[in-house]
Amino acid sequence: MFSHVSRHTQYLLAEAAFAFVAVIAAVCMIVMVIDPMRNMQLMVAVGTIFTISLIILIRLWLDPDRIRAVQSNAVLKLASKMAASMSGGLNQTSAQEICEALLPATSAIAVAITDERVIIGYAGSGKEYNKQGSPIRTVATHATIDDGKMRVLHSSSEIGFPEDHHIINAGIVAPLIVSGKAVGTLKFYYPRPRNINETQQSIAAGFAELLSTQVAASALEEQKKLATSMELKALQSQINPHFLFNTINTIASFVRTDPDKARVLLREFATFYRRTLEDASDLIPLSREIDQTQRYLTFEIARFGEERLQMESDIPASLSGKLVPAFMVQPLVENSVKHAMPARGTLHISVKAWSEGDDLLISIVDDGVGMSEDKRRNIAAPGSSTGLGIAVRNINERILGYFGPDSYMDVQSEEGKGTTVTLFLKDCCKGLNNPS
């Protein structure tokens, strides 16, 4: 009957139903007691209904399953609140929110969170002695950080409060463990040692483990972002000294033969490198990525000549503002120039974007020397250390990170005929265009 709702909700509905029946029966009994024409048989029946409803209600209140359901529901709500507070990691703001959420959920009169050196959150009695940013003064806390073991404190002196402070006289110090190392502590304070029993210790250990898990998850997410950032910087570094040297040499040659063109190239070169640094950390409009790609190709055309290198792009205006990862198209065009240029003739590169429903597709096509099937398979291999392999792997991983596992990068090539790279960005067209 109640299979589609939680056990906690089932108990609440049952309690409400029997409470309603008991109240109605009680009202009927009162009315019949003051009625001189009362019907005794009906009064007995109503009294029986009242008694049975009351007994069932008491049984529901005292039912261990009901108590566990209520406790589980409370813990789930508290865990959800803690997770929301931890969205930006464990810092003074989130630690304070968690302490304030935990305090009413336990029998403790104060809750504290520390990192390895200072107090980062405190709620409850004794707050005047434990301000955020204050150094840890409890010896037991330092010991817990050192060995990762939970400790129970039985006096205010063990806790480290001043001698005239008599409100808090007991505590539990539970470690926050991440990757096998204590990175902080969660502490519960009580008025007397007898307030601490096995239940309180279990609660402290449970909440510490829950918070440790959330700290670890937050740290993992931060590491993932950092890894992505480092990979992006590695990709940026592929704009290497050879490219820098060749471009400066090209500009220098035009200083003598075509000063106006040299000035234009120098200005574009400064813009190119500024954009390279500015676009390092986030999604950018597709038009900006294409502009940067075209800017890069300007230098290569100046170096090789228009008779050797040409590029055309077909980006509909409706797609130009769609947000895509930076350094997604330009490295692929750069690799075409580096690896696909034929010994004679012109290398044609085409960049095209189109949408299929909410999905965005981008193709980079060249008619260069192409590659063998073995080489095509190897460039995307996890262990590939070639420049092209690093670029392909990096771009593919960032596409998956931003647009999910249904997104992909496909590389097709045939020796002597050229290479086609297709980027499929799932749901990229759902959002609004970026006006910049």
Protein backbone atom coordinates (compact mmCIF):
# COMPACT_ATOMS: atom_id res chain seq x y z
CA MET A 1 0.00 0.00 0.00
CA PHE A 2 2.79 2.42 0.92
CA SER A 3 5.48 0.88 -1.26
CA HIS A 4 6.05 4.13 -3.17
CA VAL A 5 6.82 6.21 -0.06
CA SER A 6 9.58 5.99 2.55
CA ARG A 7 9.19 4.07 5.82
CA HIS A 8 9.40 7.36 7.70
CA THR A 9 6.49 8.77 5.66
CA GLN A 10 4.49 5.60 6.21
CA TYR A 11 4.82 6.00 9.98
CA LEU A 12 3.83 9.64 9.81
CA LEU A 13 0.71 8.82 7.75
CA ALA A 14 -0.26 5.98 10.10
CA GLU A 15 0.25 8.16 13.19
CA ALA A 16 -1.85 10.94 11.67
CA ALA A 17 -4.66 8.52 10.78
CA PHE A 18 -4.87 6.87 14.22
CA ALA A 19 -4.47 10.22 16.00
CA PHE A 20 -7.40 11.56 13.97
CA VAL A 21 -9.54 8.51 14.87
CA ALA A 22 -8.60 8.82 18.56
CA VAL A 23 -9.51 12.52 18.65
CA ILE A 24 -12.88 11.93 16.94
CA ALA A 25 -13.63 9.03 19.33
CA ALA A 26 -12.65 11.18 22.34
CA VAL A 27 -14.96 14.01 21.21
CA CYS A 28 -17.82 11.55 20.70
CA MET A 29 -17.28 10.10 24.19
CA ILE A 30 -17.37 13.58 25.78
CA VAL A 31 -20.58 14.42 23.95
CA MET A 32 -22.20 11.14 25.04
CA VAL A 33 -21.09 11.57 28.67
CA ILE A 34 -22.90 14.92 28.97
CA ASP A 35 -25.93 13.67 27.00
CA PRO A 36 -28.63 12.37 29.41
CA MET A 37 -30.08 10.25 26.56
CA ARG A 38 -26.76 8.58 25.86
CA ASN A 39 -26.68 5.10 24.32
CA MET A 40 -24.48 2.90 26.52
CA GLN A 41 -23.78 0.34 23.79
CA LEU A 42 -22.68 3.07 21.40
CA MET A 43 -20.60 4.67 24.17
CA VAL A 44 -18.84 1.33 24.83
CA ALA A 45 -18.15 0.94 21.09
CA VAL A 46 -16.75 4.46 20.81
CA GLY A 47 -14.66 3.92 23.95
CA THR A 48 -13.28 0.71 22.49
CA ILE A 49 -12.33 2.51 19.26
CA PHE A 50 -10.63 5.25 21.29
CA THR A 51 -8.70 2.74 23.39
CA ILE A 52 -7.59 0.67 20.40
CA SER A 53 -6.52 3.81 18.48
CA LEU A 54 -4.58 5.07 21.49
CA ILE A 55 -2.85 1.71 22.00
CA ILE A 56 -1.87 1.52 18.32
CA LEU A 57 -0.64 5.12 18.44
CA ILE A 58 1.53 4.39 21.48
CA ARG A 59 2.84 1.24 19.81
CA LEU A 60 3.75 3.27 16.74
CA TRP A 61 5.56 5.85 18.86
CA LEU A 62 7.52 3.18 20.70
CA ASP A 63 8.13 0.90 17.70
CA PRO A 64 11.90 0.44 17.18
CA ASP A 65 11.42 0.53 13.40
CA ARG A 66 9.60 3.82 13.72
CA ILE A 67 12.37 5.24 15.90
CA ARG A 68 15.01 4.04 13.43
CA ALA A 69 13.03 5.50 10.54
CA VAL A 70 12.81 8.87 12.27
CA GLN A 71 16.51 8.79 13.11
CA SER A 72 17.46 7.72 9.58
CA ASN A 73 15.35 10.49 8.11
CA ALA A 74 16.99 13.03 10.41
CA VAL A 75 20.48 11.79 9.52
CA LEU A 76 19.71 11.89 5.80
CA LYS A 77 18.48 15.47 6.07
CA LEU A 78 21.54 16.41 8.07
CA ALA A 79 23.85 14.68 5.58
CA SER A 80 22.15 16.55 2.75
CA LYS A 81 22.65 19.85 4.57
CA MET A 82 26.32 19.02 5.22
CA ALA A 83 26.85 18.11 1.56
CA ALA A 84 25.30 21.40 0.46
CA SER A 85 27.59 23.30 2.83
CA MET A 86 30.60 21.41 1.46
CA SER A 87 29.96 22.33 -2.19
CA GLY A 88 32.90 24.72 -2.09
CA GLY A 89 35.15 22.52 0.06
CA LEU A 90 35.88 22.59 3.79
CA ASN A 91 36.63 26.17 4.79
CA GLN A 92 35.62 28.54 7.58
CA THR A 93 32.23 29.26 6.04
CA SER A 94 31.26 25.61 5.41
CA ALA A 95 32.75 24.43 8.73
CA GLN A 96 30.69 26.99 10.65
CA GLU A 97 27.51 25.97 8.82
CA ILE A 98 28.17 22.29 9.59
CA CYS A 99 28.83 22.98 13.30
CA GLU A 100 25.57 24.93 13.57
CA ALA A 101 23.69 22.10 11.82
CA LEU A 102 25.21 19.37 13.99
CA LEU A 103 24.70 21.11 17.34
CA PRO A 104 20.88 20.67 17.61
CA ALA A 105 21.13 17.15 16.17
CA THR A 106 23.17 15.81 19.10
CA SER A 107 23.14 16.06 22.89
CA ALA A 108 26.41 18.00 22.82
CA ILE A 109 26.46 21.61 24.03
CA ALA A 110 29.18 22.62 21.57
CA VAL A 111 30.58 21.37 18.26
CA ALA A 112 33.91 22.31 16.68
CA ILE A 113 35.81 21.55 13.49
CA THR A 114 39.53 22.08 13.04
CA ASP A 115 42.00 21.60 10.25
CA GLU A 116 45.53 20.51 11.09
CA ARG A 117 46.42 23.83 12.74
CA VAL A 118 43.46 26.05 13.63
CA ILE A 119 39.77 26.08 14.55
CA ILE A 120 37.71 26.63 11.40
CA GLY A 121 34.22 26.24 12.88
CA TYR A 122 32.61 26.42 16.33
CA ALA A 123 29.03 26.53 17.61
CA GLY A 124 27.63 26.43 21.14
CA SER A 125 28.97 27.11 24.64
CA GLY A 126 32.53 28.39 24.99
CA LYS A 127 32.52 30.16 21.65
CA GLU A 128 34.30 33.13 23.21
CA TYR A 129 37.34 30.90 23.80
CA ASN A 130 37.29 29.21 20.39
CA LYS A 131 37.09 31.79 17.64
CA GLN A 132 37.63 30.88 14.00
CA GLY A 133 41.29 31.04 13.09
CA SER A 134 42.47 30.44 16.66
CA PRO A 135 45.30 27.89 17.00
CA ILE A 136 44.45 24.43 18.34
CA ARG A 137 45.40 24.34 22.03
CA THR A 138 44.04 20.93 23.06
CA VAL A 139 46.83 18.38 23.35
CA ALA A 140 44.40 15.56 22.55
CA THR A 141 43.43 17.26 19.29
CA HIS A 142 47.05 17.42 18.17
CA ALA A 143 47.45 13.77 19.17
CA THR A 144 44.38 12.76 17.14
CA ILE A 145 45.72 14.59 14.09
CA ASP A 146 49.04 12.79 14.54
CA ASP A 147 47.74 9.24 14.94
CA GLY A 148 44.19 9.40 13.52
CA LYS A 149 42.56 7.91 16.66
CA MET A 150 39.37 9.12 18.35
CA ARG A 151 39.76 10.35 21.93
CA VAL A 152 37.35 10.92 24.83
CA LEU A 153 38.18 13.78 27.21
CA HIS A 154 36.98 13.73 30.83
CA SER A 155 37.85 17.21 32.17
CA SER A 156 38.03 20.84 31.13
CA SER A 157 41.79 20.79 31.66
CA GLU A 158 42.15 17.99 29.08
CA ILE A 159 40.10 20.09 26.70
CA GLY A 160 42.24 23.17 27.30
CA PHE A 161 39.66 25.65 28.57
CA PRO A 162 40.60 28.22 31.25
CA GLU A 163 40.36 26.99 34.85
CA ASP A 164 37.37 29.25 35.59
CA HIS A 165 35.38 27.72 32.75
CA HIS A 166 33.12 25.05 34.22
CA ILE A 167 30.41 24.67 31.57
CA ILE A 168 32.28 22.18 29.39
CA ASN A 169 33.97 19.31 31.22
CA ALA A 170 34.03 16.49 28.68
CA GLY A 171 34.48 15.97 24.96
CA ILE A 172 35.01 13.64 22.03
CA VAL A 173 37.69 14.32 19.43
CA ALA A 174 37.12 12.37 16.19
CA PRO A 175 39.60 12.50 13.29
CA LEU A 176 38.72 13.54 9.75
CA ILE A 177 40.54 10.98 7.64
CA VAL A 178 41.34 11.53 3.96
CA SER A 179 43.57 9.05 2.10
CA GLY A 180 44.61 7.43 5.38
CA LYS A 181 45.75 10.70 6.97
CA ALA A 182 44.03 12.91 9.54
CA VAL A 183 43.44 16.32 7.94
CA GLY A 184 41.44 17.76 10.83
CA THR A 185 39.04 16.91 13.64
CA LEU A 186 35.36 17.00 14.52
CA LYS A 187 34.79 17.67 18.23
CA PHE A 188 31.71 17.36 20.45
CA TYR A 189 31.68 18.94 23.92
CA TYR A 190 29.48 17.97 26.92
CA PRO A 191 28.84 19.45 30.40
CA ARG A 192 29.91 16.29 32.28
CA PRO A 193 31.83 13.07 31.53
CA ARG A 194 28.73 10.96 32.30
CA ASN A 195 27.03 12.58 29.28
CA ILE A 196 29.37 10.57 27.06
CA ASN A 197 28.35 6.98 26.42
CA GLU A 198 28.81 4.48 23.62
CA THR A 199 25.92 6.01 21.70
CA GLN A 200 27.53 9.48 21.76
CA GLN A 201 30.86 8.02 20.68
CA SER A 202 29.18 6.16 17.82
CA ILE A 203 27.40 9.32 16.74
CA ALA A 204 30.67 11.28 16.80
CA ALA A 205 32.49 8.59 14.84
CA GLY A 206 29.64 8.38 12.30
CA PHE A 207 29.46 12.10 11.67
CA ALA A 208 33.27 12.30 11.45
CA GLU A 209 33.27 9.53 8.85
CA LEU A 210 30.50 11.26 6.90
CA LEU A 211 32.35 14.57 6.97
CA SER A 212 35.62 12.82 6.01
CA THR A 213 33.89 11.34 2.96
CA GLN A 214 32.62 14.74 1.91
CA VAL A 215 36.05 16.32 2.43
CA ALA A 216 37.61 13.55 0.32
CA ALA A 217 35.00 14.03 -2.43
CA SER A 218 35.60 17.78 -2.43
CA ALA A 219 39.36 17.26 -2.57
CA LEU A 220 38.95 14.79 -5.44
CA GLU A 221 36.87 17.31 -7.38
CA GLU A 222 39.49 19.99 -6.73
CA GLN A 223 42.24 17.63 -7.93
CA LYS A 224 40.22 16.90 -11.04
CA LYS A 225 39.91 20.62 -11.76
CA LEU A 226 43.61 21.09 -11.08
CA ALA A 227 44.51 18.19 -13.36
CA THR A 228 42.34 19.66 -16.10
CA SER A 229 44.02 23.03 -15.60
CA MET A 230 47.48 21.46 -15.73
CA GLU A 231 46.58 19.52 -18.87
CA LEU A 232 45.34 22.73 -20.44
CA LYS A 233 48.59 24.46 -19.53
CA ALA A 234 50.46 21.54 -21.08
CA LEU A 235 48.41 22.05 -24.23
CA GLN A 236 49.17 25.76 -24.17
CA SER A 237 52.86 24.99 -23.94
CA GLN A 238 52.60 23.26 -27.31
CA ILE A 239 52.67 26.77 -28.75
CA ASN A 240 56.34 26.06 -28.47
CA PRO A 241 59.59 27.96 -28.91
CA HIS A 242 59.85 26.72 -32.52
CA PHE A 243 56.56 28.41 -33.38
CA LEU A 244 57.68 31.54 -31.50
CA PHE A 245 61.06 31.55 -33.27
CA ASN A 246 59.57 30.93 -36.73
CA THR A 247 56.89 33.60 -36.31
CA ILE A 248 59.35 36.25 -35.10
CA ASN A 249 61.65 35.41 -38.00
CA THR A 250 58.72 35.75 -40.42
CA ILE A 251 57.72 39.11 -38.98
CA ALA A 252 61.35 40.26 -39.07
CA SER A 253 61.59 39.41 -42.77
CA PHE A 254 58.51 41.53 -43.52
CA VAL A 255 60.01 44.48 -41.64
CA ARG A 256 62.37 44.89 -44.58
CA THR A 257 60.07 43.91 -47.45
CA ASP A 258 56.59 44.96 -46.26
CA PRO A 259 56.61 47.11 -43.08
CA ASP A 260 52.82 47.55 -43.03
CA LYS A 261 52.28 43.81 -43.06
CA ALA A 262 54.93 43.39 -40.37
CA ARG A 263 53.04 45.82 -38.11
CA VAL A 264 49.78 43.95 -38.66
CA LEU A 265 51.42 40.59 -37.94
CA LEU A 266 53.12 41.93 -34.82
CA ARG A 267 49.82 43.29 -33.50
CA GLU A 268 48.06 40.01 -34.26
CA PHE A 269 50.90 38.09 -32.63
CA ALA A 270 50.50 40.08 -29.40
CA THR A 271 46.73 39.48 -29.47
CA PHE A 272 47.26 35.78 -30.12
CA TYR A 273 49.45 35.29 -27.07
CA ARG A 274 47.26 37.45 -24.84
CA ARG A 275 44.22 35.38 -25.81
CA THR A 276 46.22 32.21 -25.20
CA LEU A 277 46.71 33.27 -21.58
CA GLU A 278 43.22 34.72 -21.10
CA ASP A 279 41.40 31.62 -22.38
CA ALA A 280 43.19 29.21 -20.05
CA SER A 281 40.47 28.30 -17.58
CA ASP A 282 36.93 28.19 -18.91
CA LEU A 283 34.50 27.82 -21.77
CA ILE A 284 34.62 30.47 -24.45
CA PRO A 285 32.32 31.35 -27.38
CA LEU A 286 32.93 29.23 -30.48
CA SER A 287 33.53 32.40 -32.51
CA ARG A 288 36.43 33.32 -30.23
CA GLU A 289 38.04 29.90 -30.68
CA ILE A 290 37.67 30.21 -34.47
CA ASP A 291 39.14 33.74 -34.40
CA GLN A 292 42.12 32.47 -32.43
CA THR A 293 42.53 29.61 -34.91
CA GLN A 294 42.39 31.99 -37.85
CA ARG A 295 44.88 34.28 -36.09
CA TYR A 296 47.28 31.35 -35.65
CA LEU A 297 46.93 30.43 -39.32
CA THR A 298 47.71 34.02 -40.34
CA PHE A 299 51.26 33.54 -39.09
CA GLU A 300 51.65 30.18 -40.81
CA ILE A 301 50.33 31.57 -44.11
CA ALA A 302 52.76 34.47 -43.78
CA ARG A 303 55.52 31.92 -43.27
CA PHE A 304 54.64 29.37 -45.97
CA GLY A 305 52.67 31.55 -48.42
CA GLU A 306 49.06 31.42 -49.58
CA GLU A 307 50.03 29.03 -52.35
CA ARG A 308 50.93 26.43 -49.69
CA LEU A 309 48.28 26.87 -47.03
CA GLN A 310 44.63 27.91 -47.00
CA MET A 311 41.76 27.61 -44.54
CA GLU A 312 38.05 28.23 -44.81
CA SER A 313 35.49 28.18 -42.03
CA ASP A 314 31.74 27.76 -42.03
CA ILE A 315 30.30 28.75 -38.64
CA PRO A 316 26.61 29.77 -38.67
CA ALA A 317 25.87 32.95 -36.74
CA SER A 318 23.39 31.02 -34.61
CA LEU A 319 26.23 28.84 -33.31
CA SER A 320 28.99 31.41 -32.94
CA GLY A 321 28.06 32.19 -29.33
CA LYS A 322 27.87 28.57 -28.15
CA LEU A 323 30.31 27.93 -25.31
CA VAL A 324 33.07 25.40 -26.01
CA PRO A 325 36.37 24.50 -24.28
CA ALA A 326 39.27 26.79 -25.16
CA PHE A 327 42.08 25.31 -27.30
CA MET A 328 39.82 22.80 -28.95
CA VAL A 329 40.00 23.70 -32.66
CA GLN A 330 43.30 25.61 -32.87
CA PRO A 331 45.55 22.69 -31.75
CA LEU A 332 43.92 20.42 -34.33
CA VAL A 333 44.49 22.95 -37.12
CA GLU A 334 48.05 23.41 -35.86
CA ASN A 335 48.62 19.66 -36.07
CA SER A 336 47.32 19.66 -39.64
CA VAL A 337 49.92 22.30 -40.51
CA LYS A 338 52.67 20.38 -38.70
CA HIS A 339 51.91 16.86 -39.88
CA ALA A 340 49.69 16.99 -42.97
CA MET A 341 51.50 19.53 -45.20
CA PRO A 342 52.35 17.84 -48.52
CA ALA A 343 55.79 18.23 -50.08
CA ARG A 344 54.26 20.18 -52.96
CA GLY A 345 50.96 21.89 -53.56
CA THR A 346 48.46 23.49 -51.21
CA LEU A 347 47.15 22.18 -47.90
CA HIS A 348 43.47 23.04 -47.62
CA ILE A 349 41.90 23.06 -44.15
CA SER A 350 38.18 23.39 -43.57
CA VAL A 351 36.51 24.08 -40.22
CA LYS A 352 32.75 23.62 -40.10
CA ALA A 353 30.16 23.68 -37.30
CA TRP A 354 26.55 22.54 -37.37
CA SER A 355 23.87 21.46 -34.94
CA GLU A 356 21.76 18.34 -34.69
CA GLY A 357 19.00 19.09 -32.23
CA ASP A 358 20.70 20.22 -29.02
CA ASP A 359 24.05 18.74 -30.04
CA LEU A 360 26.93 20.67 -31.63
CA LEU A 361 29.27 19.10 -34.17
CA ILE A 362 32.54 20.58 -35.38
CA SER A 363 34.71 19.11 -38.13
CA ILE A 364 38.33 19.92 -38.99
CA VAL A 365 39.14 18.50 -42.40
CA ASP A 366 42.42 18.65 -44.33
CA ASP A 367 43.48 17.19 -47.67
CA GLY A 368 47.04 16.55 -46.57
CA VAL A 369 49.24 13.45 -46.41
CA GLY A 370 46.94 11.57 -44.03
CA MET A 371 48.12 8.70 -41.84
CA SER A 372 48.09 4.93 -41.65
CA GLU A 373 45.43 3.05 -39.69
CA ASP A 374 48.00 2.01 -37.07
CA LYS A 375 49.08 5.60 -36.52
CA ARG A 376 45.45 6.74 -36.35
CA ARG A 377 44.71 4.23 -33.61
CA ASN A 378 47.87 5.04 -31.69
CA ILE A 379 47.41 8.82 -31.45
CA ALA A 380 44.46 8.43 -29.10
CA ALA A 381 46.08 5.73 -26.98
CA PRO A 382 46.47 6.64 -23.27
CA GLY A 383 50.25 6.28 -23.42
CA SER A 384 50.78 8.33 -26.56
CA SER A 385 53.55 10.87 -26.03
CA THR A 386 53.56 12.54 -29.44
CA GLY A 387 52.40 16.11 -29.82
CA LEU A 388 49.38 15.02 -31.84
CA GLY A 389 48.56 12.27 -29.32
CA ILE A 390 48.74 14.69 -26.37
CA ALA A 391 46.46 17.16 -28.16
CA VAL A 392 43.91 14.52 -29.15
CA ARG A 393 43.80 12.98 -25.67
CA ASN A 394 43.60 16.36 -23.95
CA ILE A 395 40.82 17.66 -26.15
CA ASN A 396 38.86 14.43 -25.90
CA GLU A 397 39.10 14.37 -22.08
CA ARG A 398 37.98 17.99 -21.78
CA ILE A 399 35.02 17.35 -24.09
CA LEU A 400 33.96 14.42 -21.90
CA GLY A 401 34.47 16.52 -18.74
CA TYR A 402 32.30 19.38 -19.97
CA PHE A 403 29.64 17.58 -22.01
CA GLY A 404 29.46 14.07 -20.56
CA PRO A 405 30.20 10.51 -21.71
CA ASP A 406 27.97 10.71 -24.78
CA SER A 407 30.32 13.31 -26.29
CA TYR A 408 33.29 12.18 -28.32
CA MET A 409 36.08 13.00 -30.72
CA ASP A 410 36.38 10.93 -33.89
CA VAL A 411 39.53 10.82 -36.05
CA GLN A 412 39.38 9.35 -39.56
CA SER A 413 42.32 9.41 -41.95
CA GLU A 414 43.61 7.83 -45.16
CA GLU A 415 47.15 8.05 -46.41
CA GLY A 416 47.46 10.43 -49.34
CA LYS A 417 43.92 11.74 -48.96
CA GLY A 418 43.79 13.64 -45.66
CA THR A 419 42.32 13.58 -42.19
CA THR A 420 38.92 14.43 -40.71
CA VAL A 421 38.46 15.14 -37.01
CA THR A 422 34.87 15.41 -35.76
CA LEU A 423 33.96 16.78 -32.34
CA PHE A 424 30.54 15.85 -30.97
CA LEU A 425 29.43 18.02 -28.03
CA LYS A 426 26.30 16.59 -26.41
CA ASP A 427 23.61 19.20 -25.53
CA CYS A 428 26.03 22.08 -26.22
CA CYS A 429 23.28 23.99 -28.03
CA LYS A 430 20.80 23.84 -25.13
CA GLY A 431 21.96 26.98 -23.35
CA LEU A 432 21.77 30.59 -24.43
CA ASN A 433 24.47 32.07 -26.64
CA ASN A 434 27.26 33.98 -24.96
CA PRO A 435 26.99 37.51 -26.29
CA SER A 436 30.72 38.22 -25.98
